[in-house]
Every structure is written in structure tokens, then in C-alpha cells.
N, C-alpha and C. Protein backbone atom coordinates (compact mmCIF):
# COMPACT_ATOMS: atom_id res chain seq x y z
N UNK A 1 51.29 -4.02 -0.79
CA UNK A 1 52.45 -4.37 -0.19
C UNK A 1 52.55 -3.37 1.02
N UNK A 2 52.57 -3.83 2.31
CA UNK A 2 52.71 -2.90 3.49
C UNK A 2 54.05 -2.73 3.86
N UNK A 3 54.38 -1.39 3.87
CA UNK A 3 55.68 -1.07 4.51
C UNK A 3 55.88 -1.01 5.87
N UNK A 4 56.92 -1.59 6.53
CA UNK A 4 57.25 -1.65 7.78
C UNK A 4 58.48 -0.78 7.96
N UNK A 5 58.35 0.38 8.84
CA UNK A 5 59.49 1.12 9.00
C UNK A 5 60.24 0.78 10.33
N UNK A 6 61.49 0.33 10.10
CA UNK A 6 62.44 0.33 11.12
C UNK A 6 63.05 1.59 11.46
N UNK A 7 62.85 2.13 12.62
CA UNK A 7 63.40 3.68 12.88
C UNK A 7 64.74 3.62 13.26
N UNK A 8 65.69 3.32 12.19
CA UNK A 8 67.07 3.11 12.18
C UNK A 8 67.61 3.35 10.90
N UNK A 9 68.89 3.80 10.92
CA UNK A 9 69.75 3.87 9.63
C UNK A 9 70.77 2.69 9.63
N UNK A 10 70.64 1.79 10.53
CA UNK A 10 71.55 0.67 10.66
C UNK A 10 71.17 -0.36 9.66
N UNK A 11 72.13 -0.51 8.66
CA UNK A 11 71.75 -1.62 7.66
C UNK A 11 71.58 -2.99 8.12
N UNK A 12 72.35 -3.28 9.10
CA UNK A 12 72.36 -4.69 9.75
C UNK A 12 70.97 -4.91 10.46
N UNK A 13 70.38 -3.84 11.04
CA UNK A 13 69.08 -4.03 11.56
C UNK A 13 68.05 -4.32 10.62
N UNK A 14 68.14 -3.62 9.58
CA UNK A 14 67.07 -3.72 8.40
C UNK A 14 67.37 -5.24 7.84
N UNK A 15 68.50 -5.76 7.64
CA UNK A 15 68.72 -6.96 7.10
C UNK A 15 68.27 -8.15 8.10
N UNK A 16 68.41 -7.83 9.42
CA UNK A 16 67.81 -8.70 10.34
C UNK A 16 66.46 -8.73 10.34
N UNK A 17 65.78 -7.66 10.26
CA UNK A 17 64.25 -7.80 10.11
C UNK A 17 63.71 -8.41 8.98
N UNK A 18 64.42 -8.25 7.92
CA UNK A 18 63.97 -9.04 6.64
C UNK A 18 64.11 -10.49 6.81
N UNK A 19 65.13 -10.95 7.46
CA UNK A 19 65.38 -12.30 7.70
C UNK A 19 64.32 -12.76 8.64
N UNK A 20 64.01 -12.03 9.71
CA UNK A 20 62.96 -12.51 10.70
C UNK A 20 61.53 -12.66 10.03
N UNK A 21 61.13 -11.71 9.14
CA UNK A 21 59.99 -11.72 8.39
C UNK A 21 59.85 -12.89 7.52
N UNK A 22 60.87 -13.20 6.85
CA UNK A 22 60.91 -14.30 5.98
C UNK A 22 60.80 -15.59 6.80
N UNK A 23 61.61 -15.74 7.76
CA UNK A 23 61.45 -16.91 8.70
C UNK A 23 60.07 -17.14 9.27
N UNK A 24 59.46 -16.04 9.55
CA UNK A 24 58.10 -16.02 10.25
C UNK A 24 56.94 -16.38 9.15
N UNK A 25 57.38 -16.26 7.89
CA UNK A 25 56.27 -16.60 6.83
C UNK A 25 55.46 -15.49 6.76
N UNK A 26 55.69 -14.18 6.99
CA UNK A 26 54.97 -13.12 6.81
C UNK A 26 55.21 -12.71 5.31
N UNK A 27 53.91 -12.51 4.68
CA UNK A 27 53.87 -12.01 3.31
C UNK A 27 53.32 -10.67 3.16
N UNK A 28 53.68 -9.94 2.21
CA UNK A 28 53.08 -8.57 2.05
C UNK A 28 53.73 -7.41 2.71
N UNK A 29 54.86 -7.71 3.27
CA UNK A 29 55.48 -6.62 4.13
C UNK A 29 56.91 -6.37 3.54
N UNK A 30 57.15 -5.04 3.41
CA UNK A 30 58.46 -4.53 2.82
C UNK A 30 59.00 -3.70 4.00
N UNK A 31 60.29 -4.13 4.27
CA UNK A 31 61.02 -3.28 5.47
C UNK A 31 61.66 -2.19 4.76
N UNK A 32 61.58 -1.02 5.42
CA UNK A 32 62.34 0.19 5.02
C UNK A 32 62.89 0.86 6.25
N UNK A 33 63.95 1.61 6.02
CA UNK A 33 64.63 2.38 7.05
C UNK A 33 64.52 3.88 6.80
N UNK A 34 64.95 4.60 7.86
CA UNK A 34 64.99 5.95 8.01
C UNK A 34 65.44 6.64 6.67
N UNK A 35 66.44 6.16 6.05
CA UNK A 35 67.07 6.78 4.75
C UNK A 35 65.98 6.65 3.57
N UNK A 36 64.95 5.83 3.75
CA UNK A 36 63.96 5.59 2.63
C UNK A 36 62.79 6.28 2.84
N UNK A 37 62.62 7.23 3.89
CA UNK A 37 61.29 7.92 4.03
C UNK A 37 61.69 9.42 4.15
N UNK A 38 60.75 10.20 3.92
CA UNK A 38 61.19 11.70 3.97
C UNK A 38 61.68 12.03 5.35
N UNK A 39 62.49 12.86 5.55
CA UNK A 39 63.17 13.32 6.85
C UNK A 39 62.19 13.74 7.76
N UNK A 40 62.38 13.47 9.04
CA UNK A 40 61.45 14.23 9.96
C UNK A 40 62.32 14.56 11.29
N UNK A 41 61.90 15.40 12.03
CA UNK A 41 62.64 15.47 13.41
C UNK A 41 62.62 14.59 14.35
N UNK A 42 63.81 13.97 14.65
CA UNK A 42 63.85 12.74 15.54
C UNK A 42 64.24 13.27 17.03
N UNK A 43 63.51 13.09 17.92
CA UNK A 43 63.52 13.55 19.29
C UNK A 43 64.77 12.73 19.94
N UNK A 44 65.46 13.41 20.81
CA UNK A 44 66.67 12.78 21.62
C UNK A 44 66.12 11.68 22.46
N UNK A 45 67.00 10.77 22.84
CA UNK A 45 66.67 9.75 23.73
C UNK A 45 66.82 10.01 25.14
N UNK A 46 65.59 10.59 25.67
CA UNK A 46 65.70 11.18 27.04
C UNK A 46 64.81 10.38 28.03
N UNK A 47 64.40 9.11 27.67
CA UNK A 47 63.48 8.47 28.52
C UNK A 47 64.26 7.81 29.74
N UNK A 48 63.38 7.59 30.81
CA UNK A 48 63.95 7.07 31.99
C UNK A 48 64.19 5.43 31.86
N UNK A 49 63.64 4.94 30.89
CA UNK A 49 63.76 3.36 30.61
C UNK A 49 64.07 3.16 29.27
N UNK A 50 64.63 1.95 28.92
CA UNK A 50 64.50 1.37 27.55
C UNK A 50 63.21 1.57 26.72
N UNK A 51 62.17 1.01 27.51
CA UNK A 51 60.90 1.02 26.95
C UNK A 51 60.37 2.43 26.59
N UNK A 52 60.72 3.41 27.42
CA UNK A 52 60.36 4.70 27.08
C UNK A 52 61.04 5.34 25.77
N UNK A 53 62.22 4.99 25.74
CA UNK A 53 63.06 5.54 24.36
C UNK A 53 62.56 4.65 23.23
N UNK A 54 62.33 3.36 23.38
CA UNK A 54 61.79 2.70 22.08
C UNK A 54 60.56 3.10 21.57
N UNK A 55 59.48 3.19 22.59
CA UNK A 55 58.17 3.73 22.22
C UNK A 55 58.26 5.11 21.74
N UNK A 56 58.97 6.01 22.19
CA UNK A 56 59.10 7.39 21.82
C UNK A 56 59.30 7.39 20.33
N UNK A 57 60.54 6.60 19.98
CA UNK A 57 61.07 6.65 18.56
C UNK A 57 60.12 6.02 17.62
N UNK A 58 59.43 4.99 18.03
CA UNK A 58 58.49 4.27 17.22
C UNK A 58 57.29 5.12 16.89
N UNK A 59 56.73 5.90 18.04
CA UNK A 59 55.72 6.80 17.84
C UNK A 59 55.94 7.95 16.79
N UNK A 60 57.15 8.58 16.98
CA UNK A 60 57.58 9.64 16.24
C UNK A 60 57.63 9.20 14.89
N UNK A 61 58.17 8.11 14.66
CA UNK A 61 58.35 7.43 13.18
C UNK A 61 57.09 7.14 12.57
N UNK A 62 56.04 6.70 13.38
CA UNK A 62 54.70 6.36 12.71
C UNK A 62 53.93 7.58 12.48
N UNK A 63 54.02 8.65 13.37
CA UNK A 63 53.21 9.83 13.20
C UNK A 63 53.73 10.59 12.08
N UNK A 64 55.09 10.64 11.77
CA UNK A 64 55.66 11.31 10.73
C UNK A 64 55.38 10.76 9.36
N UNK A 65 55.29 9.34 9.24
CA UNK A 65 55.30 8.68 8.15
C UNK A 65 53.94 8.06 7.71
N UNK A 66 53.22 7.74 8.80
CA UNK A 66 52.08 7.04 8.63
C UNK A 66 52.09 5.58 8.35
N UNK A 67 53.42 5.03 8.79
CA UNK A 67 53.67 3.71 8.51
C UNK A 67 53.77 3.01 9.91
N UNK A 68 53.40 1.74 9.89
CA UNK A 68 53.60 0.95 11.20
C UNK A 68 55.32 0.98 11.30
N UNK A 69 55.67 1.31 12.64
CA UNK A 69 57.10 1.58 12.80
C UNK A 69 57.60 0.85 14.13
N UNK A 70 58.74 0.35 14.00
CA UNK A 70 59.44 -0.46 14.93
C UNK A 70 60.71 0.34 15.51
N UNK A 71 60.96 0.40 16.69
CA UNK A 71 62.19 1.03 17.22
C UNK A 71 62.70 0.20 18.38
N UNK A 72 63.90 0.32 18.80
CA UNK A 72 64.50 -0.38 19.94
C UNK A 72 65.43 0.65 20.61
N UNK A 73 65.58 0.22 21.91
CA UNK A 73 66.64 0.68 22.60
C UNK A 73 67.35 -0.33 23.60
N UNK A 74 68.63 -0.36 23.68
CA UNK A 74 69.30 -1.39 24.51
C UNK A 74 70.52 -0.79 25.23
N UNK A 75 71.01 -1.63 26.17
CA UNK A 75 72.27 -1.33 26.85
C UNK A 75 72.50 -2.23 27.86
N UNK A 76 73.63 -1.98 28.77
CA UNK A 76 74.08 -2.96 29.82
C UNK A 76 73.62 -2.31 31.14
N UNK A 77 73.11 -3.30 31.92
CA UNK A 77 72.76 -3.07 33.35
C UNK A 77 73.72 -3.93 34.27
N UNK A 78 74.50 -3.17 35.01
CA UNK A 78 75.44 -3.79 35.92
C UNK A 78 74.82 -3.89 37.25
N UNK A 79 74.70 -5.07 37.99
CA UNK A 79 74.24 -5.15 39.50
C UNK A 79 74.93 -4.16 40.32
N UNK A 80 76.25 -4.22 40.39
CA UNK A 80 76.95 -3.51 41.33
C UNK A 80 77.06 -1.96 41.19
N UNK A 81 76.46 -1.54 40.00
CA UNK A 81 76.20 -0.17 39.68
C UNK A 81 74.66 0.30 39.95
N UNK A 82 74.09 -0.64 40.58
CA UNK A 82 72.53 -0.31 40.68
C UNK A 82 71.68 -0.22 39.27
N UNK A 83 72.18 -1.02 38.45
CA UNK A 83 71.44 -1.00 37.19
C UNK A 83 72.07 -0.35 36.05
N UNK A 84 72.97 0.61 36.47
CA UNK A 84 73.59 1.48 35.37
C UNK A 84 74.68 0.75 34.69
N UNK A 85 75.12 1.32 33.54
CA UNK A 85 74.73 2.45 32.85
C UNK A 85 73.23 2.52 32.37
N UNK A 86 72.64 1.30 32.13
CA UNK A 86 71.27 1.45 31.67
C UNK A 86 70.98 2.12 30.39
N UNK A 87 70.03 3.17 30.38
CA UNK A 87 69.68 3.91 29.25
C UNK A 87 70.80 4.85 28.89
N UNK A 88 71.84 5.17 29.67
CA UNK A 88 72.94 5.92 29.57
C UNK A 88 74.12 5.11 28.95
N UNK A 89 73.79 3.86 28.50
CA UNK A 89 75.05 3.13 28.10
C UNK A 89 75.70 3.65 26.96
N UNK A 90 75.10 4.27 26.04
CA UNK A 90 75.67 4.86 24.87
C UNK A 90 76.64 6.06 25.12
N UNK A 91 76.26 6.76 26.26
CA UNK A 91 77.11 7.94 26.61
C UNK A 91 77.55 8.05 27.97
N UNK A 92 77.89 6.82 28.57
CA UNK A 92 78.26 6.74 29.83
C UNK A 92 79.49 7.52 30.20
N UNK A 93 80.48 7.55 29.28
CA UNK A 93 81.61 8.32 29.40
C UNK A 93 81.69 9.69 28.85
N UNK A 94 80.50 10.08 28.33
CA UNK A 94 80.30 11.45 27.72
C UNK A 94 79.41 11.51 26.47
N UNK A 95 79.17 12.73 26.07
CA UNK A 95 78.21 12.77 25.05
C UNK A 95 78.77 12.40 23.62
N UNK A 96 80.05 12.02 23.54
CA UNK A 96 80.74 11.82 22.33
C UNK A 96 80.23 10.39 21.93
N UNK A 97 79.71 9.56 22.68
CA UNK A 97 79.07 8.20 22.50
C UNK A 97 80.28 7.32 22.03
N UNK A 98 81.36 7.28 22.61
CA UNK A 98 82.56 6.47 22.30
C UNK A 98 82.38 5.04 23.06
N UNK A 99 82.18 4.05 22.21
CA UNK A 99 81.91 2.68 22.89
C UNK A 99 83.16 2.24 23.60
N UNK A 100 84.35 2.51 23.16
CA UNK A 100 85.55 1.83 23.82
C UNK A 100 85.63 2.68 25.16
N UNK A 101 85.36 3.85 25.23
CA UNK A 101 85.39 4.70 26.50
C UNK A 101 84.43 4.28 27.43
N UNK A 102 83.13 3.99 26.97
CA UNK A 102 82.05 3.62 27.79
C UNK A 102 82.38 2.27 28.41
N UNK A 103 83.11 1.47 27.78
CA UNK A 103 83.28 0.01 28.34
C UNK A 103 84.54 0.33 29.25
N UNK A 104 85.54 1.05 28.91
CA UNK A 104 86.49 1.15 29.91
C UNK A 104 86.11 1.76 31.16
N UNK A 105 85.12 2.73 31.13
CA UNK A 105 84.73 3.36 32.31
C UNK A 105 83.93 2.48 33.25
N UNK A 106 83.10 1.65 32.75
CA UNK A 106 82.29 0.57 33.52
C UNK A 106 83.43 -0.32 34.19
N UNK A 107 84.38 -0.92 33.39
CA UNK A 107 85.37 -1.76 33.88
C UNK A 107 86.19 -1.09 34.94
N UNK A 108 86.38 0.15 34.83
CA UNK A 108 87.18 0.94 36.05
C UNK A 108 86.27 0.99 37.15
N UNK A 109 84.99 1.17 36.95
CA UNK A 109 84.16 1.48 38.17
C UNK A 109 83.99 0.26 39.01
N UNK A 110 84.26 -1.00 38.38
CA UNK A 110 84.06 -2.19 39.12
C UNK A 110 85.38 -3.01 39.25
N UNK A 111 86.48 -2.19 38.97
CA UNK A 111 87.80 -2.97 39.03
C UNK A 111 88.14 -3.39 40.44
N UNK A 112 87.66 -2.89 41.49
CA UNK A 112 87.98 -3.42 42.84
C UNK A 112 87.00 -4.40 43.32
N UNK A 113 86.02 -4.82 42.69
CA UNK A 113 85.07 -5.75 43.10
C UNK A 113 85.52 -7.17 42.86
N UNK A 114 85.15 -8.12 43.53
CA UNK A 114 85.36 -9.54 43.38
C UNK A 114 84.55 -10.10 42.21
N UNK A 115 85.03 -11.14 41.68
CA UNK A 115 84.32 -11.72 40.35
C UNK A 115 82.91 -12.07 40.73
N UNK A 116 82.64 -12.50 41.88
CA UNK A 116 81.18 -12.94 42.26
C UNK A 116 80.28 -11.69 42.40
N UNK A 117 80.80 -10.53 42.18
CA UNK A 117 79.87 -9.36 42.21
C UNK A 117 79.77 -8.62 40.91
N UNK A 118 80.19 -9.36 39.79
CA UNK A 118 80.14 -8.71 38.49
C UNK A 118 79.02 -9.14 37.66
N UNK A 119 77.93 -9.51 38.25
CA UNK A 119 76.61 -9.78 37.62
C UNK A 119 76.23 -8.65 36.68
N UNK A 120 75.66 -8.83 35.45
CA UNK A 120 75.14 -7.92 34.56
C UNK A 120 74.26 -8.48 33.57
N UNK A 121 73.41 -7.65 32.87
CA UNK A 121 72.56 -7.95 31.97
C UNK A 121 72.60 -7.13 30.86
N UNK A 122 72.38 -7.81 29.64
CA UNK A 122 72.11 -6.92 28.44
C UNK A 122 70.57 -6.68 28.23
N UNK A 123 70.16 -5.65 28.11
CA UNK A 123 68.69 -5.36 28.05
C UNK A 123 68.28 -4.76 26.79
N UNK A 124 67.21 -5.29 26.19
CA UNK A 124 66.72 -4.60 24.89
C UNK A 124 65.22 -4.50 24.92
N UNK A 125 64.73 -3.35 24.72
CA UNK A 125 63.26 -3.16 24.64
C UNK A 125 62.96 -2.71 23.06
N UNK A 126 61.92 -3.24 22.71
CA UNK A 126 61.52 -2.95 21.23
C UNK A 126 60.04 -2.57 21.28
N UNK A 127 59.68 -1.59 20.47
CA UNK A 127 58.29 -1.00 20.37
C UNK A 127 57.84 -1.18 19.00
N UNK A 128 56.52 -1.63 18.80
CA UNK A 128 55.85 -1.53 17.61
C UNK A 128 54.69 -0.60 17.73
N UNK A 129 54.68 0.39 16.87
CA UNK A 129 53.52 1.29 16.74
C UNK A 129 52.71 1.31 15.48
N UNK A 130 51.44 1.07 15.39
CA UNK A 130 50.68 1.10 14.24
C UNK A 130 50.03 2.30 14.06
N UNK A 131 49.71 2.59 12.66
CA UNK A 131 49.07 3.88 12.47
C UNK A 131 47.80 4.08 13.22
N UNK A 132 47.17 3.05 13.60
CA UNK A 132 45.74 3.33 14.33
C UNK A 132 46.14 3.55 15.75
N UNK A 133 47.20 3.78 16.29
CA UNK A 133 47.53 4.03 17.55
C UNK A 133 47.92 2.76 18.60
N UNK A 134 47.73 1.55 17.87
CA UNK A 134 48.06 0.38 18.61
C UNK A 134 49.58 0.39 19.02
N UNK A 135 49.87 0.02 20.19
CA UNK A 135 51.35 -0.07 20.54
C UNK A 135 51.53 -1.34 21.34
N UNK A 136 52.73 -2.01 20.99
CA UNK A 136 53.22 -3.03 21.81
C UNK A 136 54.73 -2.88 22.09
N UNK A 137 55.06 -3.10 23.28
CA UNK A 137 56.47 -2.91 23.77
C UNK A 137 56.90 -4.28 24.43
N UNK A 138 57.91 -4.76 24.01
CA UNK A 138 58.53 -6.04 24.67
C UNK A 138 59.95 -5.73 25.20
N UNK A 139 60.40 -6.50 26.17
CA UNK A 139 61.57 -6.30 26.80
C UNK A 139 62.38 -7.79 26.94
N UNK A 140 63.61 -7.77 26.44
CA UNK A 140 64.51 -8.93 26.55
C UNK A 140 65.64 -8.80 27.50
N UNK A 141 65.91 -9.62 28.39
CA UNK A 141 66.90 -9.60 29.28
C UNK A 141 67.93 -10.86 28.96
N UNK A 142 69.14 -10.56 28.80
CA UNK A 142 70.04 -11.48 28.51
C UNK A 142 71.27 -11.43 29.83
N UNK A 143 71.05 -12.21 30.91
CA UNK A 143 71.86 -12.18 31.94
C UNK A 143 73.20 -12.76 31.68
N UNK A 144 74.37 -12.25 32.38
CA UNK A 144 75.57 -12.69 32.17
C UNK A 144 76.42 -12.10 33.29
N UNK A 145 77.88 -12.10 33.02
CA UNK A 145 78.85 -11.78 34.05
C UNK A 145 79.93 -10.91 33.36
N UNK A 146 80.22 -9.71 33.90
CA UNK A 146 81.21 -8.86 33.39
C UNK A 146 82.61 -9.76 33.50
N UNK A 147 83.43 -9.41 32.48
CA UNK A 147 84.70 -9.92 32.47
C UNK A 147 85.74 -8.79 32.44
N UNK A 148 87.02 -8.99 32.97
CA UNK A 148 87.88 -7.79 33.22
C UNK A 148 88.32 -7.07 31.92
N UNK A 149 88.31 -7.72 30.79
CA UNK A 149 88.85 -7.09 29.58
C UNK A 149 87.92 -7.34 28.48
N UNK A 150 87.68 -6.48 27.56
CA UNK A 150 86.85 -6.84 26.35
C UNK A 150 87.44 -7.87 25.53
N UNK A 151 86.70 -8.65 24.80
CA UNK A 151 86.99 -9.87 24.07
C UNK A 151 86.45 -9.53 22.78
N UNK A 152 86.95 -10.27 21.60
CA UNK A 152 86.30 -10.18 20.36
C UNK A 152 87.06 -9.30 19.37
N UNK A 153 86.83 -9.29 18.16
CA UNK A 153 87.40 -8.54 17.19
C UNK A 153 86.48 -7.83 16.22
N UNK A 154 85.11 -8.05 16.46
CA UNK A 154 84.17 -7.70 15.58
C UNK A 154 83.22 -6.69 15.89
N UNK A 155 83.57 -5.44 16.31
CA UNK A 155 82.59 -4.49 16.66
C UNK A 155 81.96 -4.85 17.94
N UNK A 156 80.60 -5.02 17.91
CA UNK A 156 79.78 -5.34 19.08
C UNK A 156 80.31 -6.39 19.87
N UNK A 157 81.06 -7.32 19.42
CA UNK A 157 81.61 -8.56 20.21
C UNK A 157 82.57 -8.02 21.16
N UNK A 158 83.00 -6.84 21.15
CA UNK A 158 83.91 -6.23 22.06
C UNK A 158 83.25 -5.78 23.32
N UNK A 159 82.33 -6.54 23.87
CA UNK A 159 81.65 -6.20 25.03
C UNK A 159 82.22 -7.05 26.28
N UNK A 160 82.43 -6.41 27.35
CA UNK A 160 83.04 -7.11 28.39
C UNK A 160 82.03 -8.04 29.26
N UNK A 161 81.26 -8.77 28.51
CA UNK A 161 80.22 -9.54 29.06
C UNK A 161 80.19 -11.02 28.62
N UNK A 162 80.04 -11.90 29.45
CA UNK A 162 79.96 -13.27 29.05
C UNK A 162 78.42 -13.74 29.54
N UNK A 163 77.80 -14.50 28.48
CA UNK A 163 76.48 -14.89 28.85
C UNK A 163 76.21 -16.20 27.92
N UNK A 164 75.22 -16.86 28.51
CA UNK A 164 74.65 -17.92 27.71
C UNK A 164 73.96 -17.42 26.44
N UNK A 165 73.87 -18.14 25.46
CA UNK A 165 73.06 -17.85 24.32
C UNK A 165 71.74 -17.29 24.58
N UNK A 166 71.28 -16.20 23.98
CA UNK A 166 70.10 -15.53 24.42
C UNK A 166 68.93 -16.12 23.85
N UNK A 167 67.96 -16.86 24.47
CA UNK A 167 66.80 -17.35 23.88
C UNK A 167 65.60 -16.40 23.51
N UNK A 168 65.68 -15.03 23.82
CA UNK A 168 64.56 -14.23 23.84
C UNK A 168 64.40 -13.51 22.48
N UNK A 169 65.55 -13.41 21.76
CA UNK A 169 65.38 -12.34 20.57
C UNK A 169 64.44 -12.89 19.36
N UNK A 170 64.42 -14.21 19.24
CA UNK A 170 63.46 -14.58 18.23
C UNK A 170 62.00 -14.20 18.63
N UNK A 171 61.55 -14.35 20.03
CA UNK A 171 60.30 -14.03 20.35
C UNK A 171 60.10 -12.47 20.18
N UNK A 172 60.97 -11.72 20.59
CA UNK A 172 60.81 -10.25 20.47
C UNK A 172 60.65 -9.87 18.98
N UNK A 173 61.63 -10.48 18.15
CA UNK A 173 61.43 -10.02 16.77
C UNK A 173 60.25 -10.51 16.04
N UNK A 174 59.84 -11.75 16.36
CA UNK A 174 58.56 -12.09 15.98
C UNK A 174 57.40 -11.17 16.16
N UNK A 175 57.37 -10.62 17.40
CA UNK A 175 56.50 -9.59 17.83
C UNK A 175 56.68 -8.41 16.92
N UNK A 176 57.91 -8.01 16.69
CA UNK A 176 58.16 -6.92 15.61
C UNK A 176 57.37 -7.22 14.29
N UNK A 177 57.55 -8.42 13.79
CA UNK A 177 57.19 -8.69 12.46
C UNK A 177 55.60 -8.93 12.36
N UNK A 178 55.04 -9.26 13.42
CA UNK A 178 53.61 -9.79 13.32
C UNK A 178 52.62 -8.80 13.92
N UNK A 179 53.00 -8.00 14.91
CA UNK A 179 52.30 -7.20 15.65
C UNK A 179 51.41 -7.88 16.83
N UNK A 180 51.69 -9.13 17.09
CA UNK A 180 50.89 -9.86 18.08
C UNK A 180 51.88 -9.85 19.26
N UNK A 181 51.16 -10.12 20.44
CA UNK A 181 51.91 -10.37 21.63
C UNK A 181 52.80 -11.43 21.61
N UNK A 182 54.09 -11.50 21.87
CA UNK A 182 55.01 -12.61 21.68
C UNK A 182 54.72 -13.74 22.60
N UNK A 183 55.09 -14.82 22.38
CA UNK A 183 55.22 -16.04 23.26
C UNK A 183 56.51 -16.03 23.98
N UNK A 184 56.66 -15.20 24.88
CA UNK A 184 58.03 -14.90 25.58
C UNK A 184 58.38 -16.02 26.50
N UNK A 185 59.85 -16.35 26.61
CA UNK A 185 60.19 -17.25 27.86
C UNK A 185 60.08 -16.42 29.10
N UNK A 186 60.09 -17.13 30.17
CA UNK A 186 59.98 -16.55 31.46
C UNK A 186 60.75 -15.51 31.76
N UNK A 187 61.98 -15.45 31.41
CA UNK A 187 62.98 -14.38 31.85
C UNK A 187 62.73 -13.16 31.07
N UNK A 188 61.94 -13.15 30.00
CA UNK A 188 61.59 -11.91 29.18
C UNK A 188 60.18 -11.53 29.45
N UNK A 189 60.07 -10.28 29.22
CA UNK A 189 58.77 -9.53 29.64
C UNK A 189 58.17 -8.95 28.52
N UNK A 190 56.75 -8.83 28.47
CA UNK A 190 56.02 -8.12 27.48
C UNK A 190 55.21 -6.95 28.29
N UNK A 191 55.41 -5.81 27.72
CA UNK A 191 54.77 -4.60 28.47
C UNK A 191 53.82 -3.90 27.47
N UNK A 192 52.64 -3.65 27.95
CA UNK A 192 51.71 -2.81 26.99
C UNK A 192 52.21 -1.37 27.13
N UNK A 193 52.19 -0.70 26.03
CA UNK A 193 52.64 0.66 26.02
C UNK A 193 51.84 1.55 26.79
N UNK A 194 52.34 2.48 27.56
CA UNK A 194 51.50 3.47 28.40
C UNK A 194 50.45 4.20 27.71
N UNK A 195 49.30 4.29 28.25
CA UNK A 195 48.42 5.30 27.72
C UNK A 195 47.86 4.87 26.43
N UNK A 196 48.09 3.82 25.85
CA UNK A 196 47.57 3.30 24.61
C UNK A 196 47.02 1.98 24.68
N UNK A 197 45.62 1.87 25.30
CA UNK A 197 45.21 0.48 25.59
C UNK A 197 44.53 -0.42 24.45
N UNK A 198 44.66 0.12 23.13
CA UNK A 198 44.06 -0.43 22.09
C UNK A 198 44.68 -1.90 21.79
N UNK A 199 43.78 -2.88 21.45
CA UNK A 199 44.33 -4.23 21.19
C UNK A 199 45.09 -4.12 19.95
N UNK A 200 46.36 -4.91 19.85
CA UNK A 200 47.16 -4.92 18.71
C UNK A 200 46.59 -5.73 17.55
N UNK A 201 46.68 -5.09 16.37
CA UNK A 201 46.31 -5.82 15.22
C UNK A 201 47.43 -6.12 14.33
N UNK A 202 47.57 -7.43 13.86
CA UNK A 202 48.73 -7.75 13.09
C UNK A 202 48.63 -7.22 11.69
N UNK A 203 49.78 -7.00 11.09
CA UNK A 203 49.69 -6.55 9.79
C UNK A 203 50.52 -7.59 8.90
N UNK A 204 50.27 -7.66 7.52
CA UNK A 204 50.96 -8.79 6.68
C UNK A 204 50.13 -9.97 7.03
N UNK A 205 50.42 -10.94 6.19
CA UNK A 205 49.58 -12.18 6.24
C UNK A 205 50.47 -13.27 6.38
N UNK A 206 50.60 -14.07 7.54
CA UNK A 206 51.52 -15.21 7.74
C UNK A 206 51.07 -16.35 7.04
N UNK A 207 51.87 -17.16 6.26
CA UNK A 207 51.40 -18.32 5.71
C UNK A 207 51.06 -19.46 6.75
N UNK A 208 49.92 -20.06 6.67
CA UNK A 208 49.43 -20.86 7.62
C UNK A 208 50.46 -22.06 8.00
N UNK A 209 51.16 -22.57 7.09
CA UNK A 209 51.92 -23.69 7.23
C UNK A 209 53.23 -23.29 7.87
N UNK A 210 53.82 -22.01 7.83
CA UNK A 210 55.20 -21.57 8.18
C UNK A 210 55.29 -21.66 9.68
N UNK A 211 56.53 -21.83 10.17
CA UNK A 211 57.01 -21.85 11.63
C UNK A 211 57.98 -20.61 11.73
N UNK A 212 57.91 -20.01 12.83
CA UNK A 212 58.97 -19.06 13.23
C UNK A 212 60.16 -19.67 13.63
N UNK A 213 61.20 -19.42 12.89
CA UNK A 213 62.49 -20.01 13.04
C UNK A 213 63.25 -19.33 14.12
N UNK A 214 64.40 -19.90 14.71
CA UNK A 214 65.19 -19.25 15.81
C UNK A 214 65.66 -17.99 15.22
N UNK A 215 65.57 -16.97 16.07
CA UNK A 215 66.11 -15.71 15.78
C UNK A 215 67.57 -15.59 15.53
N UNK A 216 68.04 -14.71 14.79
CA UNK A 216 69.50 -14.54 14.61
C UNK A 216 70.24 -14.31 15.96
N UNK A 217 71.26 -14.72 16.30
CA UNK A 217 72.01 -14.30 17.37
C UNK A 217 72.81 -13.05 17.08
N UNK A 218 72.94 -12.23 18.05
CA UNK A 218 73.74 -10.91 17.98
C UNK A 218 75.19 -11.32 18.10
N UNK A 219 75.85 -10.71 17.25
CA UNK A 219 77.34 -10.95 17.29
C UNK A 219 78.00 -9.76 18.01
């Protein structure tokens, strides 16, 4: 049984990865999180891009544990703010990482703009690093429009963004699970990780007859 480390302590991410692997028909892979491996020093997220942060976390996790490792970084990019908050989304209003304050500050900064200038995107980069040094980084973009007030009552749904259902995550997550280059839709991009030109090798054995199902939607 091959262990796949998701470099996170978020139980929902682990559950999501297990569902993805099951739907993809991948056998012989057990998903584990950071709480299930010996502790190691985790570098702060100081990258200039979502890809930088995702691959840095995955590299650290794989180097420390010897396991194939997956990590992600995500945030909101507002057109009128020149793509910000971007990688600073989690701490836009300060180092306390207060989601509510971050949202309020973004909305305040665009409060005097007309609705037709409230374009924004949710961006997620995910990195897979294998013990042999192989790396894959993929990027998904979910375009939408800011609304004036947060909506929803269930944690992450309190985002001030309207968007069409995202078609990219199932492809990104399939890359997480298989180690293969994903078959991404046109609006999503696949990026080879910097300075690691090795060809990706899949781990786990997919059942020949299985199909990758639609990825779970983020709530």
C-alpha cells in the first residue's frame, strides 16, 4: 500500500482526496495527513505565486517523510486590484488571518466601483511531488464577479463571489491522485514545476475499466 501525503491538517481535504482516488479507480493508495506523520519544520508561505507556495509545501513534505506529497495554495484575484489579494488572500487584512476581515477589506477597496468592474477569479494551484524528484504543478481558475455582501451560512460559502460551477477541479484532483498530466479544460493551465524536468511517473494502479467521475464541488 502506497501512502500519499496531503500536506494539510484539514480533515475535509483528506476526505475529498479519498473520494477522488476512489472515483478515479486508483488502488493501493492510502491518503494520510500531516497529523499522521512525524512532525517536521513547515516553511512559511512566502512565494510570489500560488504555484510557488504549493510546490514549496509539497517539496518540504516529501523531503521530510519520503512520501509522495500533495499541497495546494489558493485565493481570490480581483481585476480592479491588479490581481490582488492573490497569494496574500489569507492575510490581506493582517497576520491574524481573519477571513471575515479579509473579505470586508476587499469589499471596502472596491466599494466605489461600478458593478461592471467587479470581475474576480478564484485561483487554486496544486503540486504533486514524488520521492524521485518528479514534480507536477497544476493551476485552476474559476472566474466570477464580486458581489457587494457576503452570502451563505456555511464557512467558505461566505465568499463575496458569484461564479458558474467550476469545471476544473476534477481534472486537477485527478492529477493529484494519479501523478499524470491532467486533461485540463482550456481555461485551466498545467505548469511543469521549476528546475525539476523529470517526467512524472504515476503511483498506484488504476483499474482499467474505471472512469474518473466529476470532482466534488467546493462549498
